[in-house]
């Protein structure tokens, strides 16, 4: 399980949520209800992983994408 204790901003979290939900919808073919998403991300196994490991990977990818999207330009402008 990948764990990252680095905090993200509220804006990063919002962008990550949008990216996560979009990926989830694509993965399940657009038939997911909110209760389906919650069931997949709320249930955790004894090892700390969510009941749906693919959701965890989707979340990590969404956070990484949100962080990358809000990175300041490398030239300082």
N, C-alpha and C. Protein backbone atom coordinates (compact mmCIF):
# COMPACT_ATOMS: atom_id res chain seq x y z
N UNK A 1 0.86 -1.19 0.00
CA UNK A 1 0.00 0.00 0.00
C UNK A 1 0.89 1.23 0.00
N UNK A 2 0.61 2.15 -0.87
CA UNK A 2 1.34 3.41 -0.90
C UNK A 2 0.71 4.38 0.07
N UNK A 3 1.52 4.93 0.94
CA UNK A 3 1.04 5.95 1.84
C UNK A 3 1.90 7.18 1.67
N UNK A 4 1.29 8.31 1.73
CA UNK A 4 1.98 9.58 1.55
C UNK A 4 1.42 10.53 2.60
N UNK A 5 2.25 10.96 3.50
CA UNK A 5 1.76 11.83 4.57
C UNK A 5 1.85 13.30 4.19
N UNK A 6 2.27 13.60 2.98
CA UNK A 6 2.33 14.98 2.53
C UNK A 6 0.91 15.50 2.34
N UNK A 7 0.64 16.66 2.91
CA UNK A 7 -0.69 17.26 2.78
C UNK A 7 -0.84 17.91 1.40
N UNK A 8 -2.10 17.98 0.95
CA UNK A 8 -2.39 18.69 -0.28
C UNK A 8 -3.36 19.82 0.06
N UNK A 9 -3.38 20.82 -0.78
CA UNK A 9 -4.25 21.97 -0.55
C UNK A 9 -5.70 21.60 -0.84
N UNK A 10 -6.59 22.46 -0.42
CA UNK A 10 -8.01 22.27 -0.71
C UNK A 10 -8.22 22.24 -2.22
N UNK A 11 -7.55 23.10 -2.94
CA UNK A 11 -7.69 23.13 -4.41
C UNK A 11 -7.19 21.82 -5.02
N UNK A 12 -6.02 21.33 -4.56
CA UNK A 12 -5.53 20.04 -5.05
C UNK A 12 -6.54 18.95 -4.76
N UNK A 13 -7.11 18.95 -3.57
CA UNK A 13 -8.08 17.91 -3.19
C UNK A 13 -9.31 17.96 -4.10
N UNK A 14 -9.76 19.15 -4.40
CA UNK A 14 -10.93 19.30 -5.27
C UNK A 14 -10.63 18.76 -6.67
N UNK A 15 -9.47 19.14 -7.21
CA UNK A 15 -9.08 18.64 -8.53
C UNK A 15 -8.89 17.13 -8.51
N UNK A 16 -8.31 16.61 -7.43
CA UNK A 16 -8.13 15.16 -7.32
C UNK A 16 -9.47 14.45 -7.27
N UNK A 17 -10.42 15.01 -6.53
CA UNK A 17 -11.75 14.40 -6.46
C UNK A 17 -12.38 14.33 -7.84
N UNK A 18 -12.30 15.41 -8.59
CA UNK A 18 -12.88 15.44 -9.94
C UNK A 18 -12.21 14.40 -10.83
N UNK A 19 -10.89 14.34 -10.77
CA UNK A 19 -10.14 13.38 -11.59
C UNK A 19 -10.48 11.94 -11.18
N UNK A 20 -10.58 11.70 -9.86
CA UNK A 20 -10.90 10.38 -9.34
C UNK A 20 -12.28 9.92 -9.81
N UNK A 21 -13.27 10.81 -9.68
CA UNK A 21 -14.64 10.44 -10.07
C UNK A 21 -14.75 10.20 -11.57
N UNK A 22 -14.02 10.98 -12.34
CA UNK A 22 -14.01 10.77 -13.79
C UNK A 22 -13.41 9.41 -14.13
N UNK A 23 -12.28 9.08 -13.51
CA UNK A 23 -11.64 7.78 -13.76
C UNK A 23 -12.53 6.64 -13.31
N UNK A 24 -13.19 6.81 -12.17
CA UNK A 24 -14.08 5.78 -11.66
C UNK A 24 -15.22 5.53 -12.64
N UNK A 25 -15.80 6.62 -13.12
CA UNK A 25 -16.91 6.50 -14.08
C UNK A 25 -16.46 5.78 -15.34
N UNK A 26 -15.27 6.11 -15.82
CA UNK A 26 -14.75 5.45 -17.02
C UNK A 26 -14.50 3.97 -16.76
N UNK A 27 -13.98 3.64 -15.57
CA UNK A 27 -13.66 2.25 -15.25
C UNK A 27 -14.90 1.38 -15.15
N UNK A 28 -16.00 1.94 -14.63
CA UNK A 28 -17.22 1.13 -14.46
C UNK A 28 -18.21 1.32 -15.60
N UNK A 29 -17.83 2.06 -16.60
CA UNK A 29 -18.69 2.23 -17.76
C UNK A 29 -19.81 3.24 -17.58
N UNK A 30 -19.66 4.17 -16.67
CA UNK A 30 -20.64 5.23 -16.49
C UNK A 30 -21.89 4.83 -15.75
N UNK A 31 -21.91 3.63 -15.16
CA UNK A 31 -23.11 3.16 -14.47
C UNK A 31 -23.04 3.28 -12.95
N UNK A 32 -22.06 3.99 -12.43
CA UNK A 32 -21.88 4.07 -10.98
C UNK A 32 -22.83 5.07 -10.35
N UNK A 33 -23.34 4.68 -9.20
CA UNK A 33 -24.11 5.60 -8.35
C UNK A 33 -23.17 6.07 -7.25
N UNK A 34 -23.53 7.16 -6.62
CA UNK A 34 -22.72 7.67 -5.51
C UNK A 34 -22.52 6.60 -4.45
N UNK A 35 -23.55 5.84 -4.16
CA UNK A 35 -23.42 4.78 -3.16
C UNK A 35 -22.41 3.72 -3.58
N UNK A 36 -22.28 3.45 -4.88
CA UNK A 36 -21.27 2.50 -5.36
C UNK A 36 -19.86 3.02 -5.08
N UNK A 37 -19.66 4.28 -5.39
CA UNK A 37 -18.34 4.88 -5.15
C UNK A 37 -18.01 4.84 -3.66
N UNK A 38 -18.95 5.25 -2.84
CA UNK A 38 -18.71 5.26 -1.40
C UNK A 38 -18.43 3.88 -0.86
N UNK A 39 -19.15 2.88 -1.33
CA UNK A 39 -18.89 1.51 -0.88
C UNK A 39 -17.48 1.07 -1.22
N UNK A 40 -16.98 1.48 -2.37
CA UNK A 40 -15.64 1.08 -2.79
C UNK A 40 -14.55 1.81 -2.01
N UNK A 41 -14.80 3.03 -1.60
CA UNK A 41 -13.73 3.80 -0.96
C UNK A 41 -13.82 3.85 0.56
N UNK A 42 -14.94 3.49 1.14
CA UNK A 42 -15.10 3.58 2.59
C UNK A 42 -14.69 2.29 3.29
N UNK A 43 -14.94 1.15 2.68
CA UNK A 43 -14.62 -0.12 3.31
C UNK A 43 -13.11 -0.37 3.22
N UNK A 44 -12.49 -0.59 4.38
CA UNK A 44 -11.06 -0.88 4.41
C UNK A 44 -10.82 -2.26 4.98
N UNK A 45 -9.84 -2.96 4.41
CA UNK A 45 -9.46 -4.28 4.89
C UNK A 45 -8.49 -4.12 6.05
N UNK A 46 -8.16 -5.21 6.70
CA UNK A 46 -7.25 -5.20 7.85
C UNK A 46 -5.89 -4.59 7.49
N UNK A 47 -5.47 -4.73 6.23
CA UNK A 47 -4.17 -4.19 5.83
C UNK A 47 -4.22 -2.70 5.50
N UNK A 48 -5.40 -2.08 5.66
CA UNK A 48 -5.53 -0.66 5.41
C UNK A 48 -5.93 -0.31 3.99
N UNK A 49 -6.02 -1.31 3.12
CA UNK A 49 -6.40 -1.05 1.73
C UNK A 49 -7.91 -0.94 1.61
N UNK A 50 -8.39 -0.10 0.69
CA UNK A 50 -9.83 -0.03 0.45
C UNK A 50 -10.33 -1.35 -0.11
N UNK A 51 -11.63 -1.58 0.02
CA UNK A 51 -12.24 -2.80 -0.50
C UNK A 51 -12.02 -2.96 -1.99
N UNK A 52 -11.84 -1.88 -2.70
CA UNK A 52 -11.57 -1.91 -4.13
C UNK A 52 -10.18 -1.32 -4.38
N UNK A 53 -9.14 -2.15 -4.48
CA UNK A 53 -7.78 -1.65 -4.68
C UNK A 53 -7.63 -0.76 -5.92
N UNK A 54 -8.43 -1.00 -6.95
CA UNK A 54 -8.36 -0.15 -8.14
C UNK A 54 -8.74 1.29 -7.80
N UNK A 55 -9.64 1.45 -6.85
CA UNK A 55 -10.03 2.81 -6.43
C UNK A 55 -8.86 3.52 -5.77
N UNK A 56 -8.07 2.78 -5.01
CA UNK A 56 -6.90 3.38 -4.36
C UNK A 56 -5.91 3.86 -5.41
N UNK A 57 -5.66 3.02 -6.42
CA UNK A 57 -4.75 3.42 -7.49
C UNK A 57 -5.30 4.61 -8.25
N UNK A 58 -6.61 4.63 -8.51
CA UNK A 58 -7.24 5.78 -9.16
C UNK A 58 -7.03 7.04 -8.33
N UNK A 59 -7.16 6.90 -6.99
CA UNK A 59 -7.00 8.05 -6.11
C UNK A 59 -5.56 8.56 -6.14
N UNK A 60 -4.59 7.67 -6.04
CA UNK A 60 -3.19 8.09 -6.08
C UNK A 60 -2.86 8.79 -7.39
N UNK A 61 -3.38 8.25 -8.49
CA UNK A 61 -3.16 8.88 -9.80
C UNK A 61 -3.84 10.25 -9.86
N UNK A 62 -5.02 10.36 -9.28
CA UNK A 62 -5.75 11.63 -9.29
C UNK A 62 -5.01 12.68 -8.48
N UNK A 63 -4.48 12.31 -7.33
CA UNK A 63 -3.72 13.25 -6.50
C UNK A 63 -2.47 13.69 -7.23
N UNK A 64 -1.75 12.75 -7.83
CA UNK A 64 -0.54 13.10 -8.58
C UNK A 64 -0.87 14.06 -9.73
N UNK A 65 -1.96 13.80 -10.43
CA UNK A 65 -2.36 14.67 -11.55
C UNK A 65 -2.73 16.06 -11.05
N UNK A 66 -3.43 16.12 -9.92
CA UNK A 66 -3.81 17.42 -9.37
C UNK A 66 -2.58 18.21 -8.94
N UNK A 67 -1.64 17.53 -8.31
CA UNK A 67 -0.40 18.20 -7.90
C UNK A 67 0.35 18.72 -9.12
N UNK A 68 0.44 17.91 -10.16
CA UNK A 68 1.16 18.31 -11.36
C UNK A 68 0.47 19.49 -12.05
N UNK A 69 -0.85 19.49 -12.04
CA UNK A 69 -1.62 20.54 -12.72
C UNK A 69 -1.40 21.90 -12.06
N UNK A 70 -1.17 21.91 -10.76
CA UNK A 70 -1.03 23.18 -10.04
C UNK A 70 0.41 23.54 -9.70
N UNK A 71 1.36 22.85 -10.32
CA UNK A 71 2.76 23.17 -10.08
C UNK A 71 3.08 24.51 -10.72
N UNK A 72 3.82 25.36 -10.00
CA UNK A 72 4.23 26.62 -10.62
C UNK A 72 5.21 26.35 -11.75
N UNK A 73 5.24 27.23 -12.74
CA UNK A 73 6.19 27.05 -13.84
C UNK A 73 7.62 26.97 -13.31
N UNK A 74 8.44 26.15 -13.93
CA UNK A 74 9.81 25.94 -13.44
C UNK A 74 10.69 27.17 -13.63
N UNK A 75 10.30 28.07 -14.54
CA UNK A 75 11.13 29.26 -14.76
C UNK A 75 10.76 30.40 -13.82
N UNK A 76 9.82 30.16 -12.89
CA UNK A 76 9.47 31.16 -11.89
C UNK A 76 8.48 32.20 -12.35
N UNK A 77 7.93 32.06 -13.56
CA UNK A 77 6.98 33.04 -14.04
C UNK A 77 5.56 32.62 -13.73
